[in-house]
Structure formats: C-alpha cells, structure tokens
Amino acid sequence: MGPAHPLELEGQALKHFGEQEHVEFAGSINARWITFPWNRYLDTSVAIGGGLSVTSEVPVLEKRDPNNSHAATLLHYMLFEAAVGLPNSNWSIVARVHHRSGIFGLFSHSGSNLLSAGLRYRF
C-alpha cells in the first residue's frame, strides 16, 4: 500500500448525496497499525482516529433520531478503518466507519455513523 506511517494527519472535504445533501469538513489524527505477518502477500492496515467534523447544516440522519437533542453542525469525529492492497502498490481497498459524536453532551446529544468503502491512492 505504499508508504504508511503509524501516525497520520488527515483532512477531508465531503459532499453527501442522496438522503443527505450537506457538505462536511473533517480533520483527524489517526493511529495506524501496519505490521501484520501476511503483509508480504496482502499489505494490510487498520486505523483509528479522532478529531472534529463540521457540516454545512445539521445532517438529516442526526435530526431524525428522536434520541438526539440539540443536534449541532460541529461534532467530534472518529474513524475506524481497514485497508488492504498488493505489496509495494500505492493502491488499496478501504472500508471505514465515519462516526460523528456529541460525546454525551460535550458538543451536543447528537451523532451518526456512516459506512463507506472505496479505493485509495497514496501519493
């Protein structure tokens, strides 16, 4: 999967489509585990990260949940990710949980989880 490092800074600019039509910006500090015994056959990494997420409007999924009160555009952001690719390649297949959280009232009492999958190219 190309050069991966145990600590990363990540910035995202996202446009949600379909049921949610908002724009989101997220930034995180990620810790990535890159040492697996099968990496010479299938380069593998898993990551967890945390930071902030701000949206152009309160996401529909967060407004709809009756347990969410005082939904907000600025929330804590967490990611959980697994990636696999061929050894010595900059391409990988990625699966991720994109989690926005009010942290039990620290930001608000709202949040959401989105599952995503895609292709990554590391420069």
C-alpha atoms as a PDB file:
ATOM      1  CA  MET A   1       0.000   0.000   0.000  1.00  0.00           C
ATOM      2  CA  GLY A   2       2.872   2.348  -0.424  1.00  0.00           C
ATOM      3  CA  PRO A   3       4.376   4.184   2.484  1.00  0.00           C
ATOM      4  CA  ALA A   4       2.142   4.051   5.545  1.00  0.00           C
ATOM      5  CA  HIS A   5       3.072   5.530   8.893  1.00  0.00           C
ATOM      6  CA  PRO A   6       1.833   4.722  12.389  1.00  0.00           C
ATOM      7  CA  LEU A   7       0.646   8.335  12.974  1.00  0.00           C
ATOM      8  CA  GLU A   8      -1.151  10.442  10.368  1.00  0.00           C
ATOM      9  CA  LEU A   9      -2.886  13.789   9.993  1.00  0.00           C
ATOM     10  CA  GLU A  10      -5.941  13.645   7.757  1.00  0.00           C
ATOM     11  CA  GLY A  11      -8.241  16.269   6.290  1.00  0.00           C
ATOM     12  CA  GLN A  12     -11.457  15.552   4.435  1.00  0.00           C
ATOM     13  CA  ALA A  13     -13.841  17.581   2.326  1.00  0.00           C
ATOM     14  CA  LEU A  14     -17.035  15.608   1.678  1.00  0.00           C
ATOM     15  CA  LYS A  15     -20.251  16.143  -0.247  1.00  0.00           C
ATOM     16  CA  HIS A  16     -23.054  13.860   0.907  1.00  0.00           C
ATOM     17  CA  PHE A  17     -25.573  12.717  -1.743  1.00  0.00           C
ATOM     18  CA  GLY A  18     -28.954  11.040  -1.644  1.00  0.00           C
ATOM     19  CA  GLU A  19     -30.903  11.331   1.573  1.00  0.00           C
ATOM     20  CA  GLN A  20     -28.382  13.825   2.967  1.00  0.00           C
ATOM     21  CA  GLU A  21     -27.305  16.749   0.796  1.00  0.00           C
ATOM     22  CA  HIS A  22     -24.861  18.605   3.027  1.00  0.00           C
ATOM     23  CA  VAL A  23     -21.146  19.429   2.846  1.00  0.00           C
ATOM     24  CA  GLU A  24     -18.780  18.248   5.585  1.00  0.00           C
ATOM     25  CA  PHE A  25     -15.219  19.059   6.581  1.00  0.00           C
ATOM     26  CA  ALA A  26     -13.402  16.732   8.975  1.00  0.00           C
ATOM     27  CA  GLY A  27      -9.885  16.590  10.354  1.00  0.00           C
ATOM     28  CA  SER A  28      -8.310  13.877  12.472  1.00  0.00           C
ATOM     29  CA  ILE A  29      -5.150  12.480  13.977  1.00  0.00           C
ATOM     30  CA  ASN A  30      -5.002   8.760  13.174  1.00  0.00           C
ATOM     31  CA  ALA A  31      -3.059   5.864  14.652  1.00  0.00           C
ATOM     32  CA  ARG A  32      -2.455   3.095  12.102  1.00  0.00           C
ATOM     33  CA  TRP A  33      -1.325  -0.476  12.768  1.00  0.00           C
ATOM     34  CA  ILE A  34       0.769  -1.525   9.757  1.00  0.00           C
ATOM     35  CA  THR A  35       2.567  -4.691  10.923  1.00  0.00           C
ATOM     36  CA  PHE A  36       0.802  -7.928  10.020  1.00  0.00           C
ATOM     37  CA  PRO A  37       2.507 -11.287   9.398  1.00  0.00           C
ATOM     38  CA  TRP A  38       0.893 -11.679   5.946  1.00  0.00           C
ATOM     39  CA  ASN A  39       1.903  -8.223   4.619  1.00  0.00           C
ATOM     40  CA  ARG A  40       4.315  -9.666   2.057  1.00  0.00           C
ATOM     41  CA  TYR A  41       1.266 -11.305   0.390  1.00  0.00           C
ATOM     42  CA  LEU A  42      -1.509  -8.808   1.200  1.00  0.00           C
ATOM     43  CA  ASP A  43      -0.489  -5.437   2.632  1.00  0.00           C
ATOM     44  CA  THR A  44      -2.930  -4.715   5.468  1.00  0.00           C
ATOM     45  CA  SER A  45      -3.507  -1.838   7.880  1.00  0.00           C
ATOM     46  CA  VAL A  46      -6.130  -0.835  10.421  1.00  0.00           C
ATOM     47  CA  ALA A  47      -6.597   2.660  11.813  1.00  0.00           C
ATOM     48  CA  ILE A  48      -8.475   4.595  14.450  1.00  0.00           C
ATOM     49  CA  GLY A  49      -8.611   8.379  14.505  1.00  0.00           C
ATOM     50  CA  GLY A  50     -10.232  11.314  16.200  1.00  0.00           C
ATOM     51  CA  GLY A  51     -10.763  14.990  15.507  1.00  0.00           C
ATOM     52  CA  LEU A  52     -13.525  17.421  14.550  1.00  0.00           C
ATOM     53  CA  SER A  53     -16.296  17.447  11.952  1.00  0.00           C
ATOM     54  CA  VAL A  54     -18.254  20.490  10.826  1.00  0.00           C
ATOM     55  CA  THR A  55     -21.199  20.355   8.413  1.00  0.00           C
ATOM     56  CA  SER A  56     -22.969  22.992   6.328  1.00  0.00           C
ATOM     57  CA  GLU A  57     -26.249  22.025   8.056  1.00  0.00           C
ATOM     58  CA  VAL A  58     -27.323  19.504  10.681  1.00  0.00           C
ATOM     59  CA  PRO A  59     -27.365  16.143   8.835  1.00  0.00           C
ATOM     60  CA  VAL A  60     -30.810  14.633   8.178  1.00  0.00           C
ATOM     61  CA  LEU A  61     -29.883  11.357   9.927  1.00  0.00           C
ATOM     62  CA  GLU A  62     -28.909  13.252  13.077  1.00  0.00           C
ATOM     63  CA  LYS A  63     -32.088  15.394  13.071  1.00  0.00           C
ATOM     64  CA  ARG A  64     -34.316  12.356  12.525  1.00  0.00           C
ATOM     65  CA  ASP A  65     -33.132  10.347  15.569  1.00  0.00           C
ATOM     66  CA  PRO A  66     -35.551  11.029  18.469  1.00  0.00           C
ATOM     67  CA  ASN A  67     -32.736  10.363  20.976  1.00  0.00           C
ATOM     68  CA  ASN A  68     -30.710  13.252  19.529  1.00  0.00           C
ATOM     69  CA  SER A  69     -31.393  16.570  21.220  1.00  0.00           C
ATOM     70  CA  HIS A  70     -29.780  19.860  20.295  1.00  0.00           C
ATOM     71  CA  ALA A  71     -28.270  18.446  17.102  1.00  0.00           C
ATOM     72  CA  ALA A  72     -25.258  20.514  16.039  1.00  0.00           C
ATOM     73  CA  THR A  73     -23.098  21.097  12.989  1.00  0.00           C
ATOM     74  CA  LEU A  74     -19.795  20.874  14.958  1.00  0.00           C
ATOM     75  CA  LEU A  75     -19.179  17.434  16.477  1.00  0.00           C
ATOM     76  CA  HIS A  76     -16.339  15.133  17.434  1.00  0.00           C
ATOM     77  CA  TYR A  77     -15.227  12.883  14.570  1.00  0.00           C
ATOM     78  CA  MET A  78     -13.925   9.331  14.833  1.00  0.00           C
ATOM     79  CA  LEU A  79     -12.907   6.881  12.167  1.00  0.00           C
ATOM     80  CA  PHE A  80     -12.346   3.144  12.220  1.00  0.00           C
ATOM     81  CA  GLU A  81     -10.727   1.789   9.069  1.00  0.00           C
ATOM     82  CA  ALA A  82      -9.316  -1.350   7.462  1.00  0.00           C
ATOM     83  CA  ALA A  83      -7.317  -1.264   4.219  1.00  0.00           C
ATOM     84  CA  VAL A  84      -5.784  -3.984   2.034  1.00  0.00           C
ATOM     85  CA  GLY A  85      -3.667  -3.808  -1.094  1.00  0.00           C
ATOM     86  CA  LEU A  86      -0.951  -5.543  -3.042  1.00  0.00           C
ATOM     87  CA  PRO A  87       2.572  -5.232  -1.604  1.00  0.00           C
ATOM     88  CA  ASN A  88       4.575  -2.289  -2.979  1.00  0.00           C
ATOM     89  CA  SER A  89       1.480  -0.705  -4.538  1.00  0.00           C
ATOM     90  CA  ASN A  90       0.100   2.754  -3.770  1.00  0.00           C
ATOM     91  CA  TRP A  91      -3.473   1.466  -4.325  1.00  0.00           C
ATOM     92  CA  SER A  92      -5.639  -0.127  -1.653  1.00  0.00           C
ATOM     93  CA  ILE A  93      -9.253  -1.066  -0.954  1.00  0.00           C
ATOM     94  CA  VAL A  94     -10.607   0.711   2.124  1.00  0.00           C
ATOM     95  CA  ALA A  95     -13.595   0.135   4.420  1.00  0.00           C
ATOM     96  CA  ARG A  96     -14.370   2.797   7.020  1.00  0.00           C
ATOM     97  CA  VAL A  97     -16.832   3.738   9.755  1.00  0.00           C
ATOM     98  CA  HIS A  98     -17.339   7.520   9.748  1.00  0.00           C
ATOM     99  CA  HIS A  99     -18.628   8.467  13.216  1.00  0.00           C
ATOM    100  CA  ARG A 100     -19.846  11.914  14.323  1.00  0.00           C
ATOM    101  CA  SER A 101     -20.489  12.235  18.051  1.00  0.00           C
ATOM    102  CA  GLY A 102     -21.690  14.848  20.514  1.00  0.00           C
ATOM    103  CA  ILE A 103     -19.654  12.994  23.188  1.00  0.00           C
ATOM    104  CA  PHE A 104     -22.571  12.604  25.616  1.00  0.00           C
ATOM    105  CA  GLY A 105     -23.349  16.322  25.723  1.00  0.00           C
ATOM    106  CA  LEU A 106     -19.848  17.803  25.458  1.00  0.00           C
ATOM    107  CA  PHE A 107     -20.741  19.076  21.963  1.00  0.00           C
ATOM    108  CA  SER A 108     -24.421  18.067  21.872  1.00  0.00           C
ATOM    109  CA  HIS A 109     -26.570  14.973  22.246  1.00  0.00           C
ATOM    110  CA  SER A 110     -26.472  14.016  18.578  1.00  0.00           C
ATOM    111  CA  GLY A 111     -24.399  11.838  16.293  1.00  0.00           C
ATOM    112  CA  SER A 112     -24.375   9.451  13.363  1.00  0.00           C
ATOM    113  CA  ASN A 113     -22.494   6.537  11.820  1.00  0.00           C
ATOM    114  CA  LEU A 114     -21.851   6.026   8.123  1.00  0.00           C
ATOM    115  CA  LEU A 115     -20.201   3.033   6.477  1.00  0.00           C
ATOM    116  CA  SER A 116     -18.052   3.680   3.449  1.00  0.00           C
ATOM    117  CA  ALA A 117     -15.831   1.743   1.067  1.00  0.00           C
ATOM    118  CA  GLY A 118     -13.566   2.867  -1.700  1.00  0.00           C
ATOM    119  CA  LEU A 119     -10.218   2.914  -3.443  1.00  0.00           C
ATOM    120  CA  ARG A 120      -7.257   4.858  -2.076  1.00  0.00           C
ATOM    121  CA  TYR A 121      -4.129   6.040  -3.831  1.00  0.00           C
ATOM    122  CA  ARG A 122      -1.300   7.184  -1.549  1.00  0.00           C
ATOM    123  CA  PHE A 123       0.901   9.894  -3.027  1.00  0.00           C
END
